[in-house]
Amino acid sequence: MAEAMQTDQALPVGSKGKLSSGWWGMLALIATEASLFGYLLFAYFYLASQTEQHWPPDGLPNLLVPCLNTLILLASSISIWASERCIKRNRLRWSFALMAITFALGVRFVVIQLNEWSKKTYDMTTNLYGSLYFTITGFHLLHVIVGLIIVMMLLLWIALGYFDDRRHAAITIGGLYWQFVNAVWLFEFTSLYLLPYLY
């Protein structure tokens, strides 16, 4: 009993429940951020339907890099989900390794996205499309960077032994945010890269 109390005192996470106040708070944050991206994509489609210039002005987008980035984010969704599953089964080393893979994949996404930006022949002030493209992908990239900070904190807490099969709410909450960021990318990928091939 004394040993269990010492373990509980070592854990910084107060809530043992999956549906903690942090979980509900994350859902509220996701709802507001989803609204932001919804408005941005609405503006993109509305302005695309109103403009007389070719859309996108530079011609059809190259799909190789965005497809690679999509695969990277999908893989990171699987790895963060698997990390949480391992925590629930007290496989801390596996959980740490999978969370580290999530972090590495997220960093890779950021590097590829920045590289793609540097190769664009337009910037945010060139035309309407450039402004929308860089605003939408820029907000997403900012959310990925916030997600990477969360994943880095989770990595540290796993390494320090703060989680076990009973206490893992922070990993569930962090994973929820990461899955949201990845879902947003799927909407952006479809809107900015795939749909121009249909009209």
Protein backbone atom coordinates (compact mmCIF):
# COMPACT_ATOMS: atom_id res chain seq x y z
CA MET A 1 0.00 0.00 0.00
CA ALA A 2 2.80 2.42 0.94
CA GLU A 3 4.58 1.60 -2.31
CA ALA A 4 1.43 2.35 -4.33
CA MET A 5 1.04 5.69 -2.55
CA GLN A 6 4.64 6.61 -3.36
CA THR A 7 4.03 5.82 -7.03
CA ASP A 8 0.87 7.94 -7.05
CA GLN A 9 2.72 10.84 -5.47
CA ALA A 10 5.42 10.65 -8.14
CA LEU A 11 2.84 11.14 -10.88
CA PRO A 12 2.19 14.79 -11.83
CA VAL A 13 -1.12 14.01 -13.53
CA GLY A 14 -4.01 14.52 -11.15
CA SER A 15 -6.74 12.89 -13.18
CA LYS A 16 -6.84 9.15 -13.65
CA GLY A 17 -9.87 9.25 -15.91
CA LYS A 18 -9.83 9.30 -19.68
CA LEU A 19 -12.60 11.91 -19.72
CA SER A 20 -10.80 14.39 -17.50
CA SER A 21 -11.35 18.14 -17.60
CA GLY A 22 -8.29 18.33 -19.87
CA TRP A 23 -9.98 15.98 -22.33
CA TRP A 24 -13.09 18.17 -22.47
CA GLY A 25 -10.90 21.26 -22.71
CA MET A 26 -9.08 19.73 -25.68
CA LEU A 27 -12.40 18.98 -27.37
CA ALA A 28 -13.41 22.63 -26.92
CA LEU A 29 -10.07 23.77 -28.37
CA ILE A 30 -10.46 21.41 -31.33
CA ALA A 31 -13.98 22.73 -31.99
CA THR A 32 -12.74 26.34 -32.14
CA GLU A 33 -9.69 25.47 -34.24
CA ALA A 34 -11.83 23.38 -36.60
CA SER A 35 -14.02 26.46 -37.07
CA LEU A 36 -10.93 28.50 -37.97
CA PHE A 37 -9.83 26.02 -40.62
CA GLY A 38 -13.41 25.68 -41.84
CA TYR A 39 -13.59 29.45 -42.40
CA LEU A 40 -10.22 29.48 -44.15
CA LEU A 41 -11.24 26.69 -46.52
CA PHE A 42 -14.61 28.36 -47.10
CA ALA A 43 -12.78 31.57 -48.05
CA TYR A 44 -10.52 29.57 -50.38
CA PHE A 45 -13.43 27.95 -52.24
CA TYR A 46 -15.54 31.11 -52.30
CA LEU A 47 -12.75 33.29 -53.69
CA ALA A 48 -11.74 30.58 -56.16
CA SER A 49 -15.30 30.57 -57.51
CA GLN A 50 -15.34 34.39 -57.82
CA THR A 51 -11.97 35.02 -59.46
CA GLU A 52 -11.47 35.12 -63.21
CA GLN A 53 -7.80 34.18 -63.09
CA HIS A 54 -6.62 30.62 -63.58
CA TRP A 55 -6.79 28.69 -60.30
CA PRO A 56 -4.14 27.93 -59.15
CA PRO A 57 -2.31 30.63 -61.16
CA ASP A 58 0.90 28.60 -61.31
CA GLY A 59 -0.82 25.60 -62.88
CA LEU A 60 -1.75 22.29 -61.33
CA PRO A 61 0.19 21.49 -58.15
CA ASN A 62 2.84 18.78 -58.04
CA LEU A 63 1.43 15.93 -55.95
CA LEU A 64 4.64 14.07 -55.06
CA VAL A 65 5.69 16.13 -52.01
CA PRO A 66 2.18 16.60 -50.54
CA CYS A 67 1.47 12.88 -50.98
CA LEU A 68 4.70 12.08 -49.13
CA ASN A 69 3.74 14.50 -46.34
CA THR A 70 0.28 12.91 -46.15
CA LEU A 71 1.82 9.45 -45.72
CA ILE A 72 4.14 10.83 -43.04
CA LEU A 73 1.26 12.29 -41.03
CA LEU A 74 -0.83 9.13 -41.42
CA ALA A 75 2.11 7.09 -40.12
CA SER A 76 2.47 9.48 -37.17
CA SER A 77 -1.24 9.04 -36.38
CA ILE A 78 -0.69 5.30 -36.14
CA SER A 79 2.46 5.63 -34.03
CA ILE A 80 0.91 8.00 -31.46
CA TRP A 81 -2.17 5.77 -31.20
CA ALA A 82 0.07 2.72 -30.71
CA SER A 83 2.09 4.59 -28.07
CA GLU A 84 -1.06 5.15 -26.03
CA ARG A 85 -2.05 1.49 -26.42
CA CYS A 86 1.37 0.44 -25.13
CA ILE A 87 1.02 2.70 -22.07
CA LYS A 88 -2.34 1.08 -21.29
CA ARG A 89 -0.55 -2.30 -21.34
CA ASN A 90 2.41 -1.06 -19.24
CA ARG A 91 4.87 -1.41 -22.12
CA LEU A 92 6.70 1.81 -21.37
CA ARG A 93 9.72 1.24 -23.61
CA TRP A 94 7.52 0.54 -26.60
CA SER A 95 5.40 3.56 -25.79
CA PHE A 96 8.50 5.76 -25.60
CA ALA A 97 9.86 4.39 -28.89
CA LEU A 98 6.56 4.93 -30.70
CA MET A 99 6.20 8.46 -29.31
CA ALA A 100 9.77 9.18 -30.49
CA ILE A 101 8.79 7.94 -33.95
CA THR A 102 5.78 10.29 -33.87
CA PHE A 103 8.08 13.19 -33.02
CA ALA A 104 10.56 12.28 -35.78
CA LEU A 105 7.77 12.01 -38.36
CA GLY A 106 6.35 15.37 -37.28
CA VAL A 107 9.74 17.04 -37.62
CA ARG A 108 10.12 15.46 -41.04
CA PHE A 109 6.75 16.88 -42.08
CA VAL A 110 7.81 20.40 -41.01
CA VAL A 111 11.12 20.17 -42.89
CA ILE A 112 9.42 18.95 -46.08
CA GLN A 113 6.72 21.63 -45.83
CA LEU A 114 9.28 24.42 -45.38
CA ASN A 115 11.27 23.03 -48.32
CA GLU A 116 8.13 23.00 -50.47
CA TRP A 117 7.41 26.62 -49.52
CA SER A 118 10.92 27.68 -50.53
CA LYS A 119 10.41 26.25 -54.02
CA LYS A 120 7.15 28.09 -54.75
CA THR A 121 7.36 30.72 -57.49
CA TYR A 122 4.91 32.92 -55.60
CA ASP A 123 4.65 34.21 -52.05
CA MET A 124 1.93 35.50 -49.76
CA THR A 125 1.76 38.88 -51.51
CA THR A 126 1.96 37.75 -55.14
CA ASN A 127 -1.72 37.05 -55.74
CA LEU A 128 -4.96 35.92 -54.09
CA TYR A 129 -4.09 32.24 -54.41
CA GLY A 130 -0.66 32.72 -52.84
CA SER A 131 -2.17 34.60 -49.93
CA LEU A 132 -4.72 31.86 -49.27
CA TYR A 133 -2.24 29.02 -49.81
CA PHE A 134 0.35 30.37 -47.38
CA THR A 135 -2.26 31.39 -44.80
CA ILE A 136 -3.96 27.99 -44.77
CA THR A 137 -0.80 25.88 -44.84
CA GLY A 138 0.93 28.32 -42.46
CA PHE A 139 -1.77 27.98 -39.82
CA HIS A 140 -1.56 24.22 -40.17
CA LEU A 141 2.22 24.24 -39.86
CA LEU A 142 1.90 26.33 -36.69
CA HIS A 143 -0.47 23.72 -35.27
CA VAL A 144 1.97 20.94 -36.16
CA ILE A 145 4.75 22.78 -34.29
CA VAL A 146 2.49 23.11 -31.22
CA GLY A 147 1.75 19.39 -31.57
CA LEU A 148 5.48 18.64 -31.67
CA ILE A 149 5.95 20.54 -28.40
CA ILE A 150 3.17 18.45 -26.86
CA VAL A 151 4.72 15.23 -28.16
CA MET A 152 8.13 16.28 -26.82
CA MET A 153 6.60 16.86 -23.37
CA LEU A 154 4.89 13.46 -23.51
CA LEU A 155 8.21 11.85 -24.45
CA LEU A 156 9.86 13.45 -21.43
CA TRP A 157 7.06 12.37 -19.09
CA ILE A 158 7.16 8.79 -20.40
CA ALA A 159 10.93 8.73 -19.84
CA LEU A 160 10.44 10.00 -16.28
CA GLY A 161 7.88 7.28 -15.58
CA TYR A 162 4.92 9.59 -15.04
CA PHE A 163 2.45 7.28 -16.81
CA ASP A 164 1.21 3.77 -16.25
CA ASP A 165 -1.78 1.63 -17.19
CA ARG A 166 -4.01 3.66 -14.82
CA ARG A 167 -2.72 7.17 -15.47
CA HIS A 168 -2.35 8.16 -19.08
CA ALA A 169 -4.88 10.96 -19.58
CA ALA A 170 -2.20 13.36 -20.86
CA ILE A 171 -1.22 10.94 -23.63
CA THR A 172 -4.87 10.53 -24.61
CA ILE A 173 -5.34 14.31 -24.67
CA GLY A 174 -2.09 14.96 -26.57
CA GLY A 175 -2.94 12.19 -29.03
CA LEU A 176 -6.36 13.73 -29.61
CA TYR A 177 -4.74 17.03 -30.59
CA TRP A 178 -2.26 15.30 -32.90
CA GLN A 179 -5.03 13.35 -34.63
CA PHE A 180 -6.95 16.61 -35.13
CA VAL A 181 -3.92 18.27 -36.76
CA ASN A 182 -3.56 15.30 -39.08
CA ALA A 183 -7.27 15.34 -39.97
CA VAL A 184 -6.99 19.03 -40.86
CA TRP A 185 -4.13 18.20 -43.21
CA LEU A 186 -6.32 15.67 -45.05
CA PHE A 187 -8.87 18.43 -45.73
CA GLU A 188 -6.11 20.80 -46.85
CA PHE A 189 -4.46 18.17 -49.03
CA THR A 190 -7.78 17.43 -50.72
CA SER A 191 -8.69 21.11 -51.16
CA LEU A 192 -5.35 22.59 -52.20
CA TYR A 193 -3.74 19.71 -54.09
CA LEU A 194 -6.33 17.21 -55.32
CA LEU A 195 -9.44 19.26 -56.19
CA PRO A 196 -7.64 21.59 -58.67
CA TYR A 197 -7.30 18.52 -60.90
CA LEU A 198 -11.13 18.28 -61.06
CA TYR A 199 -11.89 21.83 -62.24
